[in-house]
Amino acid sequence: MRLRRAEEIETLSYRTVVELNAESRLAPQRRVVTIARRPERAQRLAADRAGRSERRQLQRLTRTDRTDRPIAQPQERRVVADAR
């Protein structure tokens, strides 16, 4: 059993194996609906992956650059004279 699972994971990917196992545990009516929606989900995930690099690049460009800020200089502390 473990060898078969290891082969499945190696061939398909861990996420795919988990999703297939989850599908197989559904009630028969829900299983049919879930399997019918696979192509839609696959296309949506592919579109998300395709735009990911552009989104990350845009996020990097819009991030505030921390090197532009001046380094804060420590302030001098005033010592109160002892009033004895």
PDB file of N, CA and C in Angstrom:
ATOM      1  N   MET A   1       0.827  -1.187   0.000  1.00  0.00           N
ATOM      2  CA  MET A   1       0.000   0.000   0.000  1.00  0.00           C
ATOM      3  C   MET A   1       0.878   1.260   0.000  1.00  0.00           C
ATOM      4  N   ARG A   2       1.887   1.292   0.846  1.00  0.00           N
ATOM      5  CA  ARG A   2       2.748   2.479   0.900  1.00  0.00           C
ATOM      6  C   ARG A   2       3.537   2.660  -0.386  1.00  0.00           C
ATOM      7  N   LEU A   3       3.966   1.540  -0.972  1.00  0.00           N
ATOM      8  CA  LEU A   3       4.724   1.620  -2.213  1.00  0.00           C
ATOM      9  C   LEU A   3       3.849   2.198  -3.326  1.00  0.00           C
ATOM     10  N   ARG A   4       2.605   1.724  -3.386  1.00  0.00           N
ATOM     11  CA  ARG A   4       1.689   2.229  -4.403  1.00  0.00           C
ATOM     12  C   ARG A   4       1.453   3.725  -4.215  1.00  0.00           C
ATOM     13  N   ARG A   5       1.254   4.151  -2.977  1.00  0.00           N
ATOM     14  CA  ARG A   5       1.028   5.570  -2.711  1.00  0.00           C
ATOM     15  C   ARG A   5       2.264   6.391  -3.077  1.00  0.00           C
ATOM     16  N   ALA A   6       3.426   5.874  -2.747  1.00  0.00           N
ATOM     17  CA  ALA A   6       4.659   6.584  -3.100  1.00  0.00           C
ATOM     18  C   ALA A   6       4.791   6.725  -4.615  1.00  0.00           C
ATOM     19  N   GLU A   7       4.416   5.679  -5.354  1.00  0.00           N
ATOM     20  CA  GLU A   7       4.465   5.747  -6.814  1.00  0.00           C
ATOM     21  C   GLU A   7       3.463   6.766  -7.345  1.00  0.00           C
ATOM     22  N   GLU A   8       2.269   6.785  -6.750  1.00  0.00           N
ATOM     23  CA  GLU A   8       1.265   7.767  -7.170  1.00  0.00           C
ATOM     24  C   GLU A   8       1.764   9.189  -6.935  1.00  0.00           C
ATOM     25  N   ILE A   9       2.314   9.420  -5.767  1.00  0.00           N
ATOM     26  CA  ILE A   9       2.810  10.760  -5.435  1.00  0.00           C
ATOM     27  C   ILE A   9       3.934  11.158  -6.368  1.00  0.00           C
ATOM     28  N   GLU A  10       4.821  10.218  -6.654  1.00  0.00           N
ATOM     29  CA  GLU A  10       5.949  10.513  -7.538  1.00  0.00           C
ATOM     30  C   GLU A  10       5.472  10.820  -8.953  1.00  0.00           C
ATOM     31  N   THR A  11       4.445  10.109  -9.393  1.00  0.00           N
ATOM     32  CA  THR A  11       3.947  10.284 -10.752  1.00  0.00           C
ATOM     33  C   THR A  11       3.043  11.504 -10.887  1.00  0.00           C
ATOM     34  N   LEU A  12       2.113  11.669  -9.952  1.00  0.00           N
ATOM     35  CA  LEU A  12       1.077  12.691 -10.099  1.00  0.00           C
ATOM     36  C   LEU A  12       1.346  13.984  -9.343  1.00  0.00           C
ATOM     37  N   SER A  13       1.867  13.908  -8.181  1.00  0.00           N
ATOM     38  CA  SER A  13       2.132  14.991  -7.225  1.00  0.00           C
ATOM     39  C   SER A  13       1.268  14.748  -6.003  1.00  0.00           C
ATOM     40  N   TYR A  14       1.738  15.233  -4.892  1.00  0.00           N
ATOM     41  CA  TYR A  14       1.046  14.998  -3.626  1.00  0.00           C
ATOM     42  C   TYR A  14      -0.354  15.608  -3.646  1.00  0.00           C
ATOM     43  N   ARG A  15      -0.451  16.832  -4.126  1.00  0.00           N
ATOM     44  CA  ARG A  15      -1.748  17.525  -4.145  1.00  0.00           C
ATOM     45  C   ARG A  15      -2.777  16.756  -4.974  1.00  0.00           C
ATOM     46  N   THR A  16      -2.372  16.246  -6.129  1.00  0.00           N
ATOM     47  CA  THR A  16      -3.292  15.502  -6.989  1.00  0.00           C
ATOM     48  C   THR A  16      -3.765  14.230  -6.322  1.00  0.00           C
ATOM     49  N   VAL A  17      -2.852  13.509  -5.672  1.00  0.00           N
ATOM     50  CA  VAL A  17      -3.221  12.271  -4.989  1.00  0.00           C
ATOM     51  C   VAL A  17      -4.215  12.568  -3.863  1.00  0.00           C
ATOM     52  N   VAL A  18      -3.984  13.618  -3.125  1.00  0.00           N
ATOM     53  CA  VAL A  18      -4.899  13.985  -2.041  1.00  0.00           C
ATOM     54  C   VAL A  18      -6.281  14.322  -2.596  1.00  0.00           C
ATOM     55  N   GLU A  19      -6.325  15.089  -3.697  1.00  0.00           N
ATOM     56  CA  GLU A  19      -7.611  15.450  -4.290  1.00  0.00           C
ATOM     57  C   GLU A  19      -8.347  14.224  -4.822  1.00  0.00           C
ATOM     58  N   LEU A  20      -7.629  13.304  -5.457  1.00  0.00           N
ATOM     59  CA  LEU A  20      -8.269  12.095  -5.971  1.00  0.00           C
ATOM     60  C   LEU A  20      -8.823  11.241  -4.835  1.00  0.00           C
ATOM     61  N   ASN A  21      -8.075  11.127  -3.763  1.00  0.00           N
ATOM     62  CA  ASN A  21      -8.559  10.360  -2.613  1.00  0.00           C
ATOM     63  C   ASN A  21      -9.779  11.025  -1.984  1.00  0.00           C
ATOM     64  N   ALA A  22      -9.787  12.338  -1.939  1.00  0.00           N
ATOM     65  CA  ALA A  22     -10.938  13.043  -1.386  1.00  0.00           C
ATOM     66  C   ALA A  22     -12.169  12.828  -2.263  1.00  0.00           C
ATOM     67  N   GLU A  23     -11.967  12.843  -3.584  1.00  0.00           N
ATOM     68  CA  GLU A  23     -13.081  12.599  -4.496  1.00  0.00           C
ATOM     69  C   GLU A  23     -13.661  11.204  -4.308  1.00  0.00           C
ATOM     70  N   SER A  24     -12.811  10.238  -4.101  1.00  0.00           N
ATOM     71  CA  SER A  24     -13.289   8.864  -4.015  1.00  0.00           C
ATOM     72  C   SER A  24     -14.090   8.616  -2.739  1.00  0.00           C
ATOM     73  N   ARG A  25     -13.983   9.502  -1.773  1.00  0.00           N
ATOM     74  CA  ARG A  25     -14.714   9.331  -0.515  1.00  0.00           C
ATOM     75  C   ARG A  25     -16.054  10.076  -0.500  1.00  0.00           C
ATOM     76  N   LEU A  26     -16.348  10.785  -1.564  1.00  0.00           N
ATOM     77  CA  LEU A  26     -17.607  11.524  -1.643  1.00  0.00           C
ATOM     78  C   LEU A  26     -18.775  10.587  -1.951  1.00  0.00           C
ATOM     79  N   ALA A  27     -19.957  11.057  -1.663  1.00  0.00           N
ATOM     80  CA  ALA A  27     -21.166  10.326  -2.057  1.00  0.00           C
ATOM     81  C   ALA A  27     -21.219  10.280  -3.585  1.00  0.00           C
ATOM     82  N   PRO A  28     -21.784   9.219  -4.173  1.00  0.00           N
ATOM     83  CA  PRO A  28     -21.765   9.068  -5.634  1.00  0.00           C
ATOM     84  C   PRO A  28     -22.280  10.274  -6.407  1.00  0.00           C
ATOM     85  N   GLN A  29     -23.351  10.931  -5.953  1.00  0.00           N
ATOM     86  CA  GLN A  29     -23.879  12.090  -6.677  1.00  0.00           C
ATOM     87  C   GLN A  29     -22.902  13.261  -6.638  1.00  0.00           C
ATOM     88  N   ARG A  30     -22.302  13.475  -5.508  1.00  0.00           N
ATOM     89  CA  ARG A  30     -21.338  14.579  -5.385  1.00  0.00           C
ATOM     90  C   ARG A  30     -20.075  14.272  -6.161  1.00  0.00           C
ATOM     91  N   ARG A  31     -19.705  12.995  -6.213  1.00  0.00           N
ATOM     92  CA  ARG A  31     -18.504  12.597  -6.952  1.00  0.00           C
ATOM     93  C   ARG A  31     -18.663  12.939  -8.423  1.00  0.00           C
ATOM     94  N   VAL A  32     -19.834  12.678  -8.994  1.00  0.00           N
ATOM     95  CA  VAL A  32     -20.081  12.969 -10.408  1.00  0.00           C
ATOM     96  C   VAL A  32     -19.929  14.465 -10.672  1.00  0.00           C
ATOM     97  N   VAL A  33     -20.488  15.284  -9.805  1.00  0.00           N
ATOM     98  CA  VAL A  33     -20.411  16.733  -9.978  1.00  0.00           C
ATOM     99  C   VAL A  33     -18.958  17.205  -9.854  1.00  0.00           C
ATOM    100  N   THR A  34     -18.252  16.668  -8.877  1.00  0.00           N
ATOM    101  CA  THR A  34     -16.865  17.069  -8.658  1.00  0.00           C
ATOM    102  C   THR A  34     -15.991  16.704  -9.850  1.00  0.00           C
ATOM    103  N   ILE A  35     -16.181  15.507 -10.372  1.00  0.00           N
ATOM    104  CA  ILE A  35     -15.391  15.073 -11.527  1.00  0.00           C
ATOM    105  C   ILE A  35     -15.751  15.901 -12.757  1.00  0.00           C
ATOM    106  N   ALA A  36     -17.009  16.266 -12.901  1.00  0.00           N
ATOM    107  CA  ALA A  36     -17.428  17.081 -14.045  1.00  0.00           C
ATOM    108  C   ALA A  36     -16.809  18.480 -13.989  1.00  0.00           C
ATOM    109  N   ARG A  37     -16.503  18.960 -12.807  1.00  0.00           N
ATOM    110  CA  ARG A  37     -15.926  20.306 -12.662  1.00  0.00           C
ATOM    111  C   ARG A  37     -14.405  20.330 -12.787  1.00  0.00           C
ATOM    112  N   ARG A  38     -13.771  19.205 -12.928  1.00  0.00           N
ATOM    113  CA  ARG A  38     -12.307  19.166 -13.028  1.00  0.00           C
ATOM    114  C   ARG A  38     -11.742  20.064 -14.118  1.00  0.00           C
ATOM    115  N   PRO A  39     -12.281  20.003 -15.347  1.00  0.00           N
ATOM    116  CA  PRO A  39     -11.694  20.865 -16.402  1.00  0.00           C
ATOM    117  C   PRO A  39     -11.766  22.350 -16.075  1.00  0.00           C
ATOM    118  N   GLU A  40     -12.894  22.802 -15.512  1.00  0.00           N
ATOM    119  CA  GLU A  40     -13.024  24.215 -15.137  1.00  0.00           C
ATOM    120  C   GLU A  40     -11.965  24.596 -14.110  1.00  0.00           C
ATOM    121  N   ARG A  41     -11.816  23.749 -13.122  1.00  0.00           N
ATOM    122  CA  ARG A  41     -10.848  24.017 -12.050  1.00  0.00           C
ATOM    123  C   ARG A  41      -9.421  24.022 -12.600  1.00  0.00           C
ATOM    124  N   ALA A  42      -9.133  23.079 -13.487  1.00  0.00           N
ATOM    125  CA  ALA A  42      -7.792  23.013 -14.072  1.00  0.00           C
ATOM    126  C   ALA A  42      -7.478  24.269 -14.862  1.00  0.00           C
ATOM    127  N   GLN A  43      -8.450  24.763 -15.616  1.00  0.00           N
ATOM    128  CA  GLN A  43      -8.226  25.987 -16.388  1.00  0.00           C
ATOM    129  C   GLN A  43      -8.032  27.191 -15.477  1.00  0.00           C
ATOM    130  N   ARG A  44      -8.830  27.260 -14.423  1.00  0.00           N
ATOM    131  CA  ARG A  44      -8.706  28.372 -13.476  1.00  0.00           C
ATOM    132  C   ARG A  44      -7.339  28.365 -12.802  1.00  0.00           C
ATOM    133  N   LEU A  45      -6.892  27.183 -12.376  1.00  0.00           N
ATOM    134  CA  LEU A  45      -5.587  27.098 -11.719  1.00  0.00           C
ATOM    135  C   LEU A  45      -4.458  27.422 -12.688  1.00  0.00           C
ATOM    136  N   ALA A  46      -4.588  26.983 -13.937  1.00  0.00           N
ATOM    137  CA  ALA A  46      -3.563  27.294 -14.939  1.00  0.00           C
ATOM    138  C   ALA A  46      -3.494  28.799 -15.186  1.00  0.00           C
ATOM    139  N   ALA A  47      -4.651  29.454 -15.236  1.00  0.00           N
ATOM    140  CA  ALA A  47      -4.672  30.902 -15.429  1.00  0.00           C
ATOM    141  C   ALA A  47      -4.040  31.619 -14.238  1.00  0.00           C
ATOM    142  N   ASP A  48      -4.303  31.117 -13.034  1.00  0.00           N
ATOM    143  CA  ASP A  48      -3.691  31.711 -11.839  1.00  0.00           C
ATOM    144  C   ASP A  48      -2.179  31.580 -11.877  1.00  0.00           C
ATOM    145  N   ARG A  49      -1.707  30.419 -12.290  1.00  0.00           N
ATOM    146  CA  ARG A  49      -0.259  30.200 -12.361  1.00  0.00           C
ATOM    147  C   ARG A  49       0.371  31.062 -13.438  1.00  0.00           C
ATOM    148  N   ALA A  50      -0.324  31.237 -14.561  1.00  0.00           N
ATOM    149  CA  ALA A  50       0.228  32.014 -15.679  1.00  0.00           C
ATOM    150  C   ALA A  50       0.452  33.470 -15.281  1.00  0.00           C
ATOM    151  N   GLY A  51      -0.459  34.051 -14.512  1.00  0.00           N
ATOM    152  CA  GLY A  51      -0.322  35.450 -14.147  1.00  0.00           C
ATOM    153  C   GLY A  51       0.499  35.695 -12.905  1.00  0.00           C
ATOM    154  N   ARG A  52       0.953  34.633 -12.267  1.00  0.00           N
ATOM    155  CA  ARG A  52       1.647  34.772 -10.989  1.00  0.00           C
ATOM    156  C   ARG A  52       2.950  35.547 -11.112  1.00  0.00           C
ATOM    157  N   SER A  53       3.742  35.255 -12.141  1.00  0.00           N
ATOM    158  CA  SER A  53       5.043  35.925 -12.247  1.00  0.00           C
ATOM    159  C   SER A  53       4.869  37.425 -12.485  1.00  0.00           C
ATOM    160  N   GLU A  54       3.879  37.798 -13.307  1.00  0.00           N
ATOM    161  CA  GLU A  54       3.645  39.220 -13.547  1.00  0.00           C
ATOM    162  C   GLU A  54       3.170  39.916 -12.274  1.00  0.00           C
ATOM    163  N   ARG A  55       2.284  39.258 -11.519  1.00  0.00           N
ATOM    164  CA  ARG A  55       1.803  39.849 -10.269  1.00  0.00           C
ATOM    165  C   ARG A  55       2.944  40.042  -9.284  1.00  0.00           C
ATOM    166  N   ARG A  56       3.805  39.051  -9.175  1.00  0.00           N
ATOM    167  CA  ARG A  56       4.935  39.169  -8.240  1.00  0.00           C
ATOM    168  C   ARG A  56       5.876  40.280  -8.657  1.00  0.00           C
ATOM    169  N   GLN A  57       6.122  40.380  -9.962  1.00  0.00           N
ATOM    170  CA  GLN A  57       7.014  41.433 -10.436  1.00  0.00           C
ATOM    171  C   GLN A  57       6.417  42.808 -10.145  1.00  0.00           C
ATOM    172  N   LEU A  58       5.114  42.950 -10.347  1.00  0.00           N
ATOM    173  CA  LEU A  58       4.443  44.212 -10.053  1.00  0.00           C
ATOM    174  C   LEU A  58       4.498  44.531  -8.563  1.00  0.00           C
ATOM    175  N   GLN A  59       4.314  43.520  -7.729  1.00  0.00           N
ATOM    176  CA  GLN A  59       4.388  43.732  -6.285  1.00  0.00           C
ATOM    177  C   GLN A  59       5.777  44.190  -5.871  1.00  0.00           C
ATOM    178  N   ARG A  60       6.795  43.614  -6.488  1.00  0.00           N
ATOM    179  CA  ARG A  60       8.175  44.025  -6.161  1.00  0.00           C
ATOM    180  C   ARG A  60       8.411  45.489  -6.535  1.00  0.00           C
ATOM    181  N   LEU A  61       7.863  45.895  -7.670  1.00  0.00           N
ATOM    182  CA  LEU A  61       8.070  47.265  -8.122  1.00  0.00           C
ATOM    183  C   LEU A  61       7.314  48.272  -7.265  1.00  0.00           C
ATOM    184  N   THR A  62       6.144  47.895  -6.781  1.00  0.00           N
ATOM    185  CA  THR A  62       5.337  48.833  -6.012  1.00  0.00           C
ATOM    186  C   THR A  62       5.697  48.854  -4.530  1.00  0.00           C
ATOM    187  N   ARG A  63       6.468  47.892  -4.107  1.00  0.00           N
ATOM    188  CA  ARG A  63       6.878  47.870  -2.698  1.00  0.00           C
ATOM    189  C   ARG A  63       7.752  49.081  -2.393  1.00  0.00           C
ATOM    190  N   THR A  64       7.639  49.619  -1.204  1.00  0.00           N
ATOM    191  CA  THR A  64       8.511  50.733  -0.843  1.00  0.00           C
ATOM    192  C   THR A  64       9.905  50.190  -0.597  1.00  0.00           C
ATOM    193  N   ASP A  65      10.849  50.847  -1.181  1.00  0.00           N
ATOM    194  CA  ASP A  65      12.231  50.401  -1.054  1.00  0.00           C
ATOM    195  C   ASP A  65      12.796  50.915   0.257  1.00  0.00           C
ATOM    196  N   ARG A  66      13.220  50.037   1.069  1.00  0.00           N
ATOM    197  CA  ARG A  66      13.706  50.419   2.400  1.00  0.00           C
ATOM    198  C   ARG A  66      15.082  51.071   2.360  1.00  0.00           C
ATOM    199  N   THR A  67      15.789  50.930   1.273  1.00  0.00           N
ATOM    200  CA  THR A  67      17.125  51.520   1.205  1.00  0.00           C
ATOM    201  C   THR A  67      17.066  53.027   0.981  1.00  0.00           C
ATOM    202  N   ASP A  68      15.910  53.551   0.551  1.00  0.00           N
ATOM    203  CA  ASP A  68      15.783  54.982   0.314  1.00  0.00           C
ATOM    204  C   ASP A  68      15.633  55.781   1.598  1.00  0.00           C
ATOM    205  N   ARG A  69      15.209  55.131   2.634  1.00  0.00           N
ATOM    206  CA  ARG A  69      14.986  55.833   3.906  1.00  0.00           C
ATOM    207  C   ARG A  69      16.316  56.135   4.591  1.00  0.00           C
ATOM    208  N   PRO A  70      16.439  57.326   5.157  1.00  0.00           N
ATOM    209  CA  PRO A  70      17.682  57.622   5.892  1.00  0.00           C
ATOM    210  C   PRO A  70      17.735  56.797   7.180  1.00  0.00           C
ATOM    211  N   ILE A  71      18.916  56.447   7.550  1.00  0.00           N
ATOM    212  CA  ILE A  71      19.103  55.679   8.774  1.00  0.00           C
ATOM    213  C   ILE A  71      18.897  56.611   9.960  1.00  0.00           C
ATOM    214  N   ALA A  72      18.080  56.208  10.887  1.00  0.00           N
ATOM    215  CA  ALA A  72      17.779  57.038  12.053  1.00  0.00           C
ATOM    216  C   ALA A  72      19.012  57.136  12.939  1.00  0.00           C
ATOM    217  N   GLN A  73      19.344  58.363  13.280  1.00  0.00           N
ATOM    218  CA  GLN A  73      20.494  58.582  14.161  1.00  0.00           C
ATOM    219  C   GLN A  73      20.027  58.522  15.611  1.00  0.00           C
ATOM    220  N   PRO A  74      20.804  57.907  16.462  1.00  0.00           N
ATOM    221  CA  PRO A  74      20.397  57.852  17.866  1.00  0.00           C
ATOM    222  C   PRO A  74      20.402  59.265  18.467  1.00  0.00           C
ATOM    223  N   GLN A  75      19.417  59.548  19.278  1.00  0.00           N
ATOM    224  CA  GLN A  75      19.315  60.864  19.900  1.00  0.00           C
ATOM    225  C   GLN A  75      20.110  60.868  21.200  1.00  0.00           C
ATOM    226  N   GLU A  76      20.649  62.064  21.479  1.00  0.00           N
ATOM    227  CA  GLU A  76      21.399  62.184  22.730  1.00  0.00           C
ATOM    228  C   GLU A  76      20.423  62.214  23.892  1.00  0.00           C
ATOM    229  N   ARG A  77      20.809  61.581  24.959  1.00  0.00           N
ATOM    230  CA  ARG A  77      19.964  61.577  26.151  1.00  0.00           C
ATOM    231  C   ARG A  77      20.463  62.651  27.117  1.00  0.00           C
ATOM    232  N   ARG A  78      19.530  63.351  27.670  1.00  0.00           N
ATOM    233  CA  ARG A  78      19.894  64.370  28.642  1.00  0.00           C
ATOM    234  C   ARG A  78      19.882  63.736  30.013  1.00  0.00           C
ATOM    235  N   VAL A  79      20.888  64.009  30.740  1.00  0.00           N
ATOM    236  CA  VAL A  79      21.002  63.469  32.098  1.00  0.00           C
ATOM    237  C   VAL A  79      20.570  64.563  33.067  1.00  0.00           C
ATOM    238  N   VAL A  80      19.624  64.245  33.919  1.00  0.00           N
ATOM    239  CA  VAL A  80      19.161  65.216  34.900  1.00  0.00           C
ATOM    240  C   VAL A  80      20.201  65.262  36.018  1.00  0.00           C
ATOM    241  N   ALA A  81      20.583  66.491  36.392  1.00  0.00           N
ATOM    242  CA  ALA A  81      21.574  66.650  37.459  1.00  0.00           C
ATOM    243  C   ALA A  81      20.983  66.189  38.778  1.00  0.00           C
ATOM    244  N   ASP A  82      21.813  65.609  39.586  1.00  0.00           N
ATOM    245  CA  ASP A  82      21.388  65.125  40.906  1.00  0.00           C
ATOM    246  C   ASP A  82      21.159  66.344  41.794  1.00  0.00           C
ATOM    247  N   ALA A  83      19.981  66.485  42.389  1.00  0.00           N
ATOM    248  CA  ALA A  83      19.618  67.664  43.168  1.00  0.00           C
ATOM    249  C   ALA A  83      19.898  67.458  44.652  1.00  0.00           C
ATOM    250  N   ARG A  84      21.012  66.981  45.027  1.00  0.00           N
ATOM    251  CA  ARG A  84      21.327  66.799  46.439  1.00  0.00           C
ATOM    252  C   ARG A  84      21.922  68.001  47.054  1.00  0.00           C
TER     253      ARG A  84
END
